[in-house]
Amino acid sequence: MIHVTRLDGASMMLNAEWIQSVENTPDTLITLTTGQKLIVRESVEEIVQAFHAYQRTKGVRILRGEQT
């Protein structure tokens, strides 16, 4: 899960596995594999960094033999 902030200031956790694409339109638009679209305050770069951090922690859990 990654943390994102909607334009109205609402904070939410997003399942990073559901991200299909991230665009700068000029707001950051996240399209999910479900077809749902979210506009968030974070930049594309911040979303990509959060996704990579999520993937690294997921890899660590796999190496430790923990459930993901």
PDB file of N, CA and C in Angstrom:
ATOM      1  N   MET A   1       0.847  -1.176   0.000  1.00  0.00           N
ATOM      2  CA  MET A   1       0.000   0.000   0.000  1.00  0.00           C
ATOM      3  C   MET A   1       0.896   1.244   0.000  1.00  0.00           C
ATOM      4  N   ILE A   2       0.426   2.267  -0.694  1.00  0.00           N
ATOM      5  CA  ILE A   2       1.128   3.550  -0.679  1.00  0.00           C
ATOM      6  C   ILE A   2       0.142   4.643  -0.260  1.00  0.00           C
ATOM      7  N   HIS A   3       0.687   5.673   0.354  1.00  0.00           N
ATOM      8  CA  HIS A   3      -0.124   6.785   0.842  1.00  0.00           C
ATOM      9  C   HIS A   3      -0.248   7.833  -0.259  1.00  0.00           C
ATOM     10  N   VAL A   4      -1.481   8.289  -0.517  1.00  0.00           N
ATOM     11  CA  VAL A   4      -1.728   9.381  -1.462  1.00  0.00           C
ATOM     12  C   VAL A   4      -2.714  10.362  -0.843  1.00  0.00           C
ATOM     13  N   THR A   5      -2.744  11.573  -1.390  1.00  0.00           N
ATOM     14  CA  THR A   5      -3.651  12.610  -0.909  1.00  0.00           C
ATOM     15  C   THR A   5      -4.505  13.097  -2.072  1.00  0.00           C
ATOM     16  N   ARG A   6      -5.820  12.997  -1.910  1.00  0.00           N
ATOM     17  CA  ARG A   6      -6.733  13.503  -2.942  1.00  0.00           C
ATOM     18  C   ARG A   6      -6.655  15.031  -2.979  1.00  0.00           C
ATOM     19  N   LEU A   7      -7.158  15.639  -4.025  1.00  0.00           N
ATOM     20  CA  LEU A   7      -7.099  17.095  -4.158  1.00  0.00           C
ATOM     21  C   LEU A   7      -7.845  17.804  -3.038  1.00  0.00           C
ATOM     22  N   ASP A   8      -8.878  17.165  -2.466  1.00  0.00           N
ATOM     23  CA  ASP A   8      -9.635  17.793  -1.381  1.00  0.00           C
ATOM     24  C   ASP A   8      -8.934  17.666  -0.030  1.00  0.00           C
ATOM     25  N   GLY A   9      -7.737  17.073  -0.018  1.00  0.00           N
ATOM     26  CA  GLY A   9      -6.957  16.926   1.209  1.00  0.00           C
ATOM     27  C   GLY A   9      -7.169  15.605   1.925  1.00  0.00           C
ATOM     28  N   ALA A  10      -8.114  14.801   1.440  1.00  0.00           N
ATOM     29  CA  ALA A  10      -8.376  13.500   2.066  1.00  0.00           C
ATOM     30  C   ALA A  10      -7.194  12.565   1.817  1.00  0.00           C
ATOM     31  N   SER A  11      -6.763  11.928   2.885  1.00  0.00           N
ATOM     32  CA  SER A  11      -5.644  10.999   2.832  1.00  0.00           C
ATOM     33  C   SER A  11      -6.175   9.583   2.635  1.00  0.00           C
ATOM     34  N   MET A  12      -5.464   8.791   1.834  1.00  0.00           N
ATOM     35  CA  MET A  12      -5.898   7.409   1.649  1.00  0.00           C
ATOM     36  C   MET A  12      -4.706   6.513   1.354  1.00  0.00           C
ATOM     37  N   MET A  13      -4.897   5.236   1.598  1.00  0.00           N
ATOM     38  CA  MET A  13      -3.907   4.230   1.251  1.00  0.00           C
ATOM     39  C   MET A  13      -4.387   3.554  -0.024  1.00  0.00           C
ATOM     40  N   LEU A  14      -3.480   3.389  -0.963  1.00  0.00           N
ATOM     41  CA  LEU A  14      -3.812   2.832  -2.265  1.00  0.00           C
ATOM     42  C   LEU A  14      -3.030   1.546  -2.474  1.00  0.00           C
ATOM     43  N   ASN A  15      -3.707   0.510  -2.922  1.00  0.00           N
ATOM     44  CA  ASN A  15      -3.046  -0.749  -3.234  1.00  0.00           C
ATOM     45  C   ASN A  15      -2.167  -0.525  -4.463  1.00  0.00           C
ATOM     46  N   ALA A  16      -0.862  -0.531  -4.263  1.00  0.00           N
ATOM     47  CA  ALA A  16       0.082  -0.236  -5.339  1.00  0.00           C
ATOM     48  C   ALA A  16      -0.002  -1.254  -6.469  1.00  0.00           C
ATOM     49  N   GLU A  17      -0.458  -2.451  -6.165  1.00  0.00           N
ATOM     50  CA  GLU A  17      -0.579  -3.497  -7.185  1.00  0.00           C
ATOM     51  C   GLU A  17      -1.644  -3.146  -8.224  1.00  0.00           C
ATOM     52  N   TRP A  18      -2.556  -2.254  -7.903  1.00  0.00           N
ATOM     53  CA  TRP A  18      -3.647  -1.895  -8.804  1.00  0.00           C
ATOM     54  C   TRP A  18      -3.300  -0.750  -9.747  1.00  0.00           C
ATOM     55  N   ILE A  19      -2.125  -0.140  -9.592  1.00  0.00           N
ATOM     56  CA  ILE A  19      -1.764   1.002 -10.443  1.00  0.00           C
ATOM     57  C   ILE A  19      -1.426   0.509 -11.846  1.00  0.00           C
ATOM     58  N   GLN A  20      -2.151   1.059 -12.815  1.00  0.00           N
ATOM     59  CA  GLN A  20      -1.886   0.732 -14.215  1.00  0.00           C
ATOM     60  C   GLN A  20      -1.006   1.806 -14.853  1.00  0.00           C
ATOM     61  N   SER A  21      -1.321   3.082 -14.557  1.00  0.00           N
ATOM     62  CA  SER A  21      -0.531   4.175 -15.112  1.00  0.00           C
ATOM     63  C   SER A  21      -0.641   5.406 -14.224  1.00  0.00           C
ATOM     64  N   VAL A  22       0.355   6.293 -14.364  1.00  0.00           N
ATOM     65  CA  VAL A  22       0.382   7.566 -13.646  1.00  0.00           C
ATOM     66  C   VAL A  22       0.737   8.637 -14.667  1.00  0.00           C
ATOM     67  N   GLU A  23      -0.101   9.683 -14.730  1.00  0.00           N
ATOM     68  CA  GLU A  23       0.097  10.742 -15.721  1.00  0.00           C
ATOM     69  C   GLU A  23       0.101  12.108 -15.051  1.00  0.00           C
ATOM     70  N   ASN A  24       0.803  13.051 -15.685  1.00  0.00           N
ATOM     71  CA  ASN A  24       0.802  14.441 -15.261  1.00  0.00           C
ATOM     72  C   ASN A  24      -0.077  15.199 -16.249  1.00  0.00           C
ATOM     73  N   THR A  25      -1.293  15.633 -15.808  1.00  0.00           N
ATOM     74  CA  THR A  25      -2.296  16.130 -16.777  1.00  0.00           C
ATOM     75  C   THR A  25      -2.934  17.494 -16.506  1.00  0.00           C
ATOM     76  N   PRO A  26      -2.553  18.530 -15.915  1.00  0.00           N
ATOM     77  CA  PRO A  26      -1.352  18.813 -15.153  1.00  0.00           C
ATOM     78  C   PRO A  26      -1.396  18.268 -13.729  1.00  0.00           C
ATOM     79  N   ASP A  27      -2.580  17.899 -13.222  1.00  0.00           N
ATOM     80  CA  ASP A  27      -2.617  17.216 -11.926  1.00  0.00           C
ATOM     81  C   ASP A  27      -2.147  15.779 -12.142  1.00  0.00           C
ATOM     82  N   THR A  28      -1.811  15.108 -11.061  1.00  0.00           N
ATOM     83  CA  THR A  28      -1.375  13.724 -11.180  1.00  0.00           C
ATOM     84  C   THR A  28      -2.596  12.817 -11.227  1.00  0.00           C
ATOM     85  N   LEU A  29      -2.724  12.091 -12.325  1.00  0.00           N
ATOM     86  CA  LEU A  29      -3.845  11.188 -12.556  1.00  0.00           C
ATOM     87  C   LEU A  29      -3.342   9.750 -12.477  1.00  0.00           C
ATOM     88  N   ILE A  30      -3.915   8.992 -11.535  1.00  0.00           N
ATOM     89  CA  ILE A  30      -3.577   7.575 -11.398  1.00  0.00           C
ATOM     90  C   ILE A  30      -4.734   6.774 -11.971  1.00  0.00           C
ATOM     91  N   THR A  31      -4.423   5.893 -12.916  1.00  0.00           N
ATOM     92  CA  THR A  31      -5.425   4.987 -13.461  1.00  0.00           C
ATOM     93  C   THR A  31      -5.152   3.605 -12.880  1.00  0.00           C
ATOM     94  N   LEU A  32      -6.199   3.003 -12.322  1.00  0.00           N
ATOM     95  CA  LEU A  32      -6.079   1.684 -11.715  1.00  0.00           C
ATOM     96  C   LEU A  32      -6.450   0.599 -12.711  1.00  0.00           C
ATOM     97  N   THR A  33      -6.043  -0.615 -12.430  1.00  0.00           N
ATOM     98  CA  THR A  33      -6.375  -1.738 -13.304  1.00  0.00           C
ATOM     99  C   THR A  33      -7.874  -1.967 -13.375  1.00  0.00           C
ATOM    100  N   THR A  34      -8.617  -1.449 -12.409  1.00  0.00           N
ATOM    101  CA  THR A  34     -10.079  -1.564 -12.402  1.00  0.00           C
ATOM    102  C   THR A  34     -10.739  -0.557 -13.331  1.00  0.00           C
ATOM    103  N   GLY A  35      -9.953   0.401 -13.851  1.00  0.00           N
ATOM    104  CA  GLY A  35     -10.491   1.462 -14.691  1.00  0.00           C
ATOM    105  C   GLY A  35     -10.778   2.740 -13.922  1.00  0.00           C
ATOM    106  N   GLN A  36     -10.791   2.658 -12.588  1.00  0.00           N
ATOM    107  CA  GLN A  36     -11.021   3.847 -11.762  1.00  0.00           C
ATOM    108  C   GLN A  36      -9.853   4.804 -11.911  1.00  0.00           C
ATOM    109  N   LYS A  37     -10.156   6.092 -11.875  1.00  0.00           N
ATOM    110  CA  LYS A  37      -9.127   7.127 -11.981  1.00  0.00           C
ATOM    111  C   LYS A  37      -9.144   7.978 -10.719  1.00  0.00           C
ATOM    112  N   LEU A  38      -7.952   8.308 -10.225  1.00  0.00           N
ATOM    113  CA  LEU A  38      -7.803   9.137  -9.034  1.00  0.00           C
ATOM    114  C   LEU A  38      -6.911  10.320  -9.371  1.00  0.00           C
ATOM    115  N   ILE A  39      -7.297  11.509  -8.925  1.00  0.00           N
ATOM    116  CA  ILE A  39      -6.439  12.681  -9.056  1.00  0.00           C
ATOM    117  C   ILE A  39      -5.887  12.955  -7.662  1.00  0.00           C
ATOM    118  N   VAL A  40      -4.556  13.052  -7.577  1.00  0.00           N
ATOM    119  CA  VAL A  40      -3.905  13.208  -6.275  1.00  0.00           C
ATOM    120  C   VAL A  40      -2.956  14.395  -6.274  1.00  0.00           C
ATOM    121  N   ARG A  41      -2.590  14.829  -5.066  1.00  0.00           N
ATOM    122  CA  ARG A  41      -1.689  15.979  -4.898  1.00  0.00           C
ATOM    123  C   ARG A  41      -0.230  15.637  -5.167  1.00  0.00           C
ATOM    124  N   GLU A  42       0.156  14.396  -4.912  1.00  0.00           N
ATOM    125  CA  GLU A  42       1.549  14.004  -5.099  1.00  0.00           C
ATOM    126  C   GLU A  42       1.937  14.077  -6.571  1.00  0.00           C
ATOM    127  N   SER A  43       3.208  14.351  -6.823  1.00  0.00           N
ATOM    128  CA  SER A  43       3.699  14.402  -8.207  1.00  0.00           C
ATOM    129  C   SER A  43       3.873  12.981  -8.748  1.00  0.00           C
ATOM    130  N   VAL A  44       4.019  12.897 -10.050  1.00  0.00           N
ATOM    131  CA  VAL A  44       4.282  11.595 -10.678  1.00  0.00           C
ATOM    132  C   VAL A  44       5.538  10.986 -10.062  1.00  0.00           C
ATOM    133  N   GLU A  45       6.561  11.803  -9.878  1.00  0.00           N
ATOM    134  CA  GLU A  45       7.822  11.313  -9.319  1.00  0.00           C
ATOM    135  C   GLU A  45       7.629  10.757  -7.902  1.00  0.00           C
ATOM    136  N   GLU A  46       6.809  11.432  -7.088  1.00  0.00           N
ATOM    137  CA  GLU A  46       6.550  10.949  -5.730  1.00  0.00           C
ATOM    138  C   GLU A  46       5.809   9.617  -5.740  1.00  0.00           C
ATOM    139  N   ILE A  47       4.863   9.467  -6.663  1.00  0.00           N
ATOM    140  CA  ILE A  47       4.121   8.206  -6.776  1.00  0.00           C
ATOM    141  C   ILE A  47       5.066   7.087  -7.205  1.00  0.00           C
ATOM    142  N   VAL A  48       5.915   7.369  -8.175  1.00  0.00           N
ATOM    143  CA  VAL A  48       6.877   6.362  -8.644  1.00  0.00           C
ATOM    144  C   VAL A  48       7.827   5.974  -7.509  1.00  0.00           C
ATOM    145  N   GLN A  49       8.310   6.947  -6.747  1.00  0.00           N
ATOM    146  CA  GLN A  49       9.198   6.641  -5.612  1.00  0.00           C
ATOM    147  C   GLN A  49       8.484   5.795  -4.570  1.00  0.00           C
ATOM    148  N   ALA A  50       7.233   6.129  -4.269  1.00  0.00           N
ATOM    149  CA  ALA A  50       6.464   5.353  -3.294  1.00  0.00           C
ATOM    150  C   ALA A  50       6.243   3.933  -3.793  1.00  0.00           C
ATOM    151  N   PHE A  51       5.977   3.794  -5.086  1.00  0.00           N
ATOM    152  CA  PHE A  51       5.781   2.468  -5.668  1.00  0.00           C
ATOM    153  C   PHE A  51       7.059   1.648  -5.566  1.00  0.00           C
ATOM    154  N   HIS A  52       8.196   2.250  -5.892  1.00  0.00           N
ATOM    155  CA  HIS A  52       9.469   1.533  -5.793  1.00  0.00           C
ATOM    156  C   HIS A  52       9.786   1.147  -4.348  1.00  0.00           C
ATOM    157  N   ALA A  53       9.500   2.035  -3.401  1.00  0.00           N
ATOM    158  CA  ALA A  53       9.699   1.707  -1.990  1.00  0.00           C
ATOM    159  C   ALA A  53       8.816   0.534  -1.583  1.00  0.00           C
ATOM    160  N   TYR A  54       7.566   0.534  -2.052  1.00  0.00           N
ATOM    161  CA  TYR A  54       6.651  -0.571  -1.778  1.00  0.00           C
ATOM    162  C   TYR A  54       7.219  -1.875  -2.344  1.00  0.00           C
ATOM    163  N   GLN A  55       7.711  -1.826  -3.579  1.00  0.00           N
ATOM    164  CA  GLN A  55       8.256  -3.032  -4.216  1.00  0.00           C
ATOM    165  C   GLN A  55       9.474  -3.552  -3.462  1.00  0.00           C
ATOM    166  N   ARG A  56      10.315  -2.634  -2.949  1.00  0.00           N
ATOM    167  CA  ARG A  56      11.490  -3.069  -2.177  1.00  0.00           C
ATOM    168  C   ARG A  56      11.065  -3.777  -0.898  1.00  0.00           C
ATOM    169  N   THR A  57      10.068  -3.235  -0.188  1.00  0.00           N
ATOM    170  CA  THR A  57       9.631  -3.888   1.054  1.00  0.00           C
ATOM    171  C   THR A  57       8.983  -5.224   0.756  1.00  0.00           C
ATOM    172  N   LYS A  58       8.299  -5.314  -0.373  1.00  0.00           N
ATOM    173  CA  LYS A  58       7.688  -6.577  -0.779  1.00  0.00           C
ATOM    174  C   LYS A  58       8.778  -7.616  -1.038  1.00  0.00           C
ATOM    175  N   GLY A  59       9.848  -7.215  -1.684  1.00  0.00           N
ATOM    176  CA  GLY A  59      10.971  -8.120  -1.945  1.00  0.00           C
ATOM    177  C   GLY A  59      11.633  -8.592  -0.668  1.00  0.00           C
ATOM    178  N   VAL A  60      11.765  -7.707   0.311  1.00  0.00           N
ATOM    179  CA  VAL A  60      12.354  -8.071   1.595  1.00  0.00           C
ATOM    180  C   VAL A  60      11.491  -9.115   2.290  1.00  0.00           C
ATOM    181  N   ARG A  61      10.171  -8.939   2.250  1.00  0.00           N
ATOM    182  CA  ARG A  61       9.268  -9.910   2.873  1.00  0.00           C
ATOM    183  C   ARG A  61       9.379 -11.274   2.210  1.00  0.00           C
ATOM    184  N   ILE A  62       9.545 -11.297   0.898  1.00  0.00           N
ATOM    185  CA  ILE A  62       9.689 -12.566   0.176  1.00  0.00           C
ATOM    186  C   ILE A  62      10.975 -13.249   0.591  1.00  0.00           C
ATOM    187  N   LEU A  63      12.070 -12.469   0.671  1.00  0.00           N
ATOM    188  CA  LEU A  63      13.346 -13.043   1.079  1.00  0.00           C
ATOM    189  C   LEU A  63      13.305 -13.595   2.499  1.00  0.00           C
ATOM    190  N   ARG A  64      12.521 -12.970   3.353  1.00  0.00           N
ATOM    191  CA  ARG A  64      12.389 -13.443   4.735  1.00  0.00           C
ATOM    192  C   ARG A  64      11.396 -14.607   4.854  1.00  0.00           C
ATOM    193  N   GLY A  65      10.676 -14.895   3.782  1.00  0.00           N
ATOM    194  CA  GLY A  65       9.700 -15.972   3.808  1.00  0.00           C
ATOM    195  C   GLY A  65       8.376 -15.573   4.400  1.00  0.00           C
ATOM    196  N   GLU A  66       8.123 -14.263   4.504  1.00  0.00           N
ATOM    197  CA  GLU A  66       6.850 -13.778   5.058  1.00  0.00           C
ATOM    198  C   GLU A  66       5.804 -13.728   3.959  1.00  0.00           C
ATOM    199  N   GLN A  67       4.542 -13.754   4.383  1.00  0.00           N
ATOM    200  CA  GLN A  67       3.418 -13.647   3.441  1.00  0.00           C
ATOM    201  C   GLN A  67       3.310 -12.220   2.944  1.00  0.00           C
ATOM    202  N   THR A  68       2.956 -12.050   1.662  1.00  0.00           N
ATOM    203  CA  THR A  68       2.738 -10.711   1.113  1.00  0.00           C
ATOM    204  C   THR A  68       1.273 -10.462   0.887  1.00  0.00           C
TER     205      THR A  68
END
